[in-house]
Amino acid sequence: VFNMMAFYQLGPFVLREFGLHRFVNIYILTGIAGFALSVLVGVRFTIGASASICGLIGAIIYYGKSRGGAYGEAIYKQALGWVVGLVIFGFLFSGINNWAHGGGILSGLLLAYFLGYNDRKPESAWSKILAYACVLITAGVLIWAVGSSFYYRFMT
């Protein structure tokens, strides 16, 4: 529920400021990066979209800091407030994958830096191709996972 509420609040901003294709890239790739980091450090079981949500936060932090001015500074401070909340929440409750959160934030910062946002540069063809590839690969992995579970449940 927390991830969906955060997505509802953060998603429209990132979509508006970065554009559809960069939004898709940030969301999917930061989810992969955040959970890859958590696997590398030994987190055995994790679920949810929190790495992707944190990737959106990382992108917003980059946007606010690089845009500057009163508006950019306000966005930057608000995004840092999300990070403070995540850190507090992560230490108060067990079962929170702080590694995925950190990996999502850091990869969101990096992707926002490399992909840019609408005020700085238009979306490139490369960004669009990458977004379509991310969606197709994600759909393929989902179909494979569901198909595998049916196969092993009913065919073996």
Protein backbone atom coordinates (compact mmCIF):
# COMPACT_ATOMS: atom_id res chain seq x y z
CA VAL A 1 0.00 0.00 0.00
CA PHE A 2 2.85 2.40 0.85
CA ASN A 3 4.46 1.89 -2.54
CA MET A 4 1.21 2.60 -4.37
CA MET A 5 0.60 5.79 -2.37
CA ALA A 6 4.16 6.95 -3.05
CA PHE A 7 3.82 6.11 -6.75
CA TYR A 8 0.58 8.09 -6.87
CA GLN A 9 2.36 11.12 -5.41
CA LEU A 10 5.75 10.90 -7.15
CA GLY A 11 4.89 9.36 -10.52
CA PRO A 12 2.98 12.27 -12.08
CA PHE A 13 5.79 14.71 -11.25
CA VAL A 14 8.51 12.54 -12.78
CA LEU A 15 6.30 11.82 -15.80
CA ARG A 16 5.70 15.54 -16.38
CA GLU A 17 9.29 16.68 -15.87
CA PHE A 18 11.13 13.79 -17.55
CA GLY A 19 8.63 12.56 -20.16
CA LEU A 20 7.11 9.13 -20.69
CA HIS A 21 10.12 7.25 -22.03
CA ARG A 22 12.58 8.55 -19.46
CA PHE A 23 10.01 7.85 -16.74
CA VAL A 24 9.73 4.22 -17.89
CA ASN A 25 13.52 3.89 -18.03
CA ILE A 26 13.99 5.36 -14.57
CA TYR A 27 11.23 3.26 -13.01
CA ILE A 28 12.25 -0.10 -14.47
CA LEU A 29 16.04 0.29 -14.39
CA THR A 30 16.17 1.64 -10.84
CA GLY A 31 14.03 -1.27 -9.70
CA ILE A 32 16.53 -3.66 -11.24
CA ALA A 33 19.52 -1.77 -9.84
CA GLY A 34 18.11 -1.48 -6.33
CA PHE A 35 17.20 -5.12 -6.06
CA ALA A 36 20.49 -6.19 -7.69
CA LEU A 37 22.36 -4.30 -4.97
CA SER A 38 20.29 -5.96 -2.27
CA VAL A 39 21.06 -9.40 -3.74
CA LEU A 40 24.77 -8.57 -3.91
CA VAL A 41 24.87 -7.71 -0.20
CA GLY A 42 22.99 -10.86 0.76
CA VAL A 43 19.34 -9.91 1.21
CA ARG A 44 17.65 -13.26 0.71
CA PHE A 45 13.98 -12.37 0.26
CA THR A 46 12.35 -9.15 -0.81
CA ILE A 47 9.19 -8.04 -2.58
CA GLY A 48 7.62 -4.82 -3.76
CA ALA A 49 8.41 -1.85 -5.93
CA SER A 50 10.29 0.18 -3.35
CA ALA A 51 13.55 0.29 -5.32
CA SER A 52 11.68 1.80 -8.27
CA ILE A 53 9.85 4.26 -6.02
CA CYS A 54 13.20 5.28 -4.54
CA GLY A 55 14.54 5.63 -8.08
CA LEU A 56 11.85 8.22 -8.71
CA ILE A 57 12.93 10.02 -5.54
CA GLY A 58 16.55 9.97 -6.73
CA ALA A 59 15.50 11.44 -10.08
CA ILE A 60 13.53 14.17 -8.30
CA ILE A 61 16.54 15.00 -6.11
CA TYR A 62 18.68 15.40 -9.23
CA TYR A 63 15.99 17.47 -10.94
CA GLY A 64 15.57 19.84 -8.01
CA LYS A 65 19.29 20.35 -7.42
CA SER A 66 20.20 20.83 -11.09
CA ARG A 67 17.22 23.03 -11.94
CA GLY A 68 18.05 25.45 -9.15
CA GLY A 69 16.15 28.58 -8.24
CA ALA A 70 13.42 28.74 -5.63
CA TYR A 71 11.32 26.08 -7.37
CA GLY A 72 14.21 23.66 -7.80
CA GLU A 73 15.33 24.18 -4.20
CA ALA A 74 11.80 23.50 -2.93
CA ILE A 75 11.60 20.29 -4.98
CA TYR A 76 15.05 19.23 -3.75
CA LYS A 77 14.14 19.79 -0.09
CA GLN A 78 10.84 17.98 -0.46
CA ALA A 79 12.57 14.97 -2.04
CA LEU A 80 15.15 14.94 0.76
CA GLY A 81 12.20 14.81 3.16
CA TRP A 82 11.14 11.57 1.48
CA VAL A 83 14.65 10.19 2.01
CA VAL A 84 14.61 11.12 5.70
CA GLY A 85 11.23 9.43 6.05
CA LEU A 86 12.53 6.31 4.33
CA VAL A 87 15.56 6.13 6.59
CA ILE A 88 13.45 6.52 9.74
CA PHE A 89 10.88 4.00 8.48
CA GLY A 90 13.65 1.59 7.49
CA PHE A 91 15.18 1.55 10.95
CA LEU A 92 11.93 1.48 12.93
CA PHE A 93 10.39 -1.54 11.21
CA SER A 94 11.92 -4.92 10.47
CA GLY A 95 11.76 -6.43 7.00
CA ILE A 96 12.48 -3.18 5.16
CA ASN A 97 15.02 -3.61 2.36
CA ASN A 98 17.18 -0.54 2.96
CA TRP A 99 19.72 -1.76 0.40
CA ALA A 100 17.09 -1.71 -2.34
CA HIS A 101 16.03 1.77 -1.23
CA GLY A 102 19.60 3.08 -1.34
CA GLY A 103 20.31 1.40 -4.67
CA GLY A 104 17.12 2.86 -6.11
CA ILE A 105 17.94 6.38 -4.96
CA LEU A 106 21.52 6.27 -6.24
CA SER A 107 20.58 4.74 -9.59
CA GLY A 108 17.75 7.28 -9.92
CA LEU A 109 20.25 10.10 -9.43
CA LEU A 110 22.58 8.61 -12.05
CA LEU A 111 19.88 7.88 -14.61
CA ALA A 112 18.40 11.35 -14.23
CA TYR A 113 21.86 12.81 -14.80
CA PHE A 114 22.50 10.76 -17.94
CA LEU A 115 18.98 10.86 -19.41
CA GLY A 116 18.24 14.49 -18.56
CA TYR A 117 14.81 16.05 -18.19
CA ASN A 118 12.47 18.06 -20.39
CA ASP A 119 13.76 21.53 -19.42
CA ARG A 120 17.35 20.56 -20.32
CA LYS A 121 17.03 18.38 -23.40
CA PRO A 122 14.38 16.60 -25.44
CA GLU A 123 14.00 12.86 -25.20
CA SER A 124 16.41 11.12 -27.53
CA ALA A 125 15.64 8.23 -29.85
CA TRP A 126 17.98 6.15 -27.70
CA SER A 127 15.82 6.85 -24.63
CA LYS A 128 12.70 5.78 -26.51
CA ILE A 129 14.32 2.56 -27.76
CA LEU A 130 15.57 1.77 -24.26
CA ALA A 131 12.08 2.33 -22.81
CA TYR A 132 10.48 -0.04 -25.32
CA ALA A 133 13.19 -2.62 -24.64
CA CYS A 134 12.61 -2.32 -20.88
CA VAL A 135 8.87 -2.85 -21.28
CA LEU A 136 9.29 -5.80 -23.66
CA ILE A 137 11.90 -7.50 -21.49
CA THR A 138 9.79 -6.94 -18.37
CA ALA A 139 6.74 -8.42 -20.10
CA GLY A 140 8.82 -11.36 -21.33
CA VAL A 141 10.16 -12.09 -17.86
CA LEU A 142 6.65 -11.88 -16.40
CA ILE A 143 5.27 -14.28 -19.02
CA TRP A 144 8.20 -16.65 -18.41
CA ALA A 145 7.68 -16.55 -14.62
CA VAL A 146 3.93 -17.18 -14.82
CA GLY A 147 4.40 -19.86 -17.46
CA SER A 148 7.08 -21.57 -15.40
CA SER A 149 4.89 -21.65 -12.32
CA PHE A 150 2.03 -23.21 -14.29
CA TYR A 151 4.38 -25.70 -15.90
CA TYR A 152 5.92 -26.85 -12.63
CA ARG A 153 2.58 -26.90 -10.84
CA PHE A 154 0.53 -28.79 -13.41
CA MET A 155 2.95 -30.53 -15.76
CA THR A 156 5.43 -32.14 -13.40
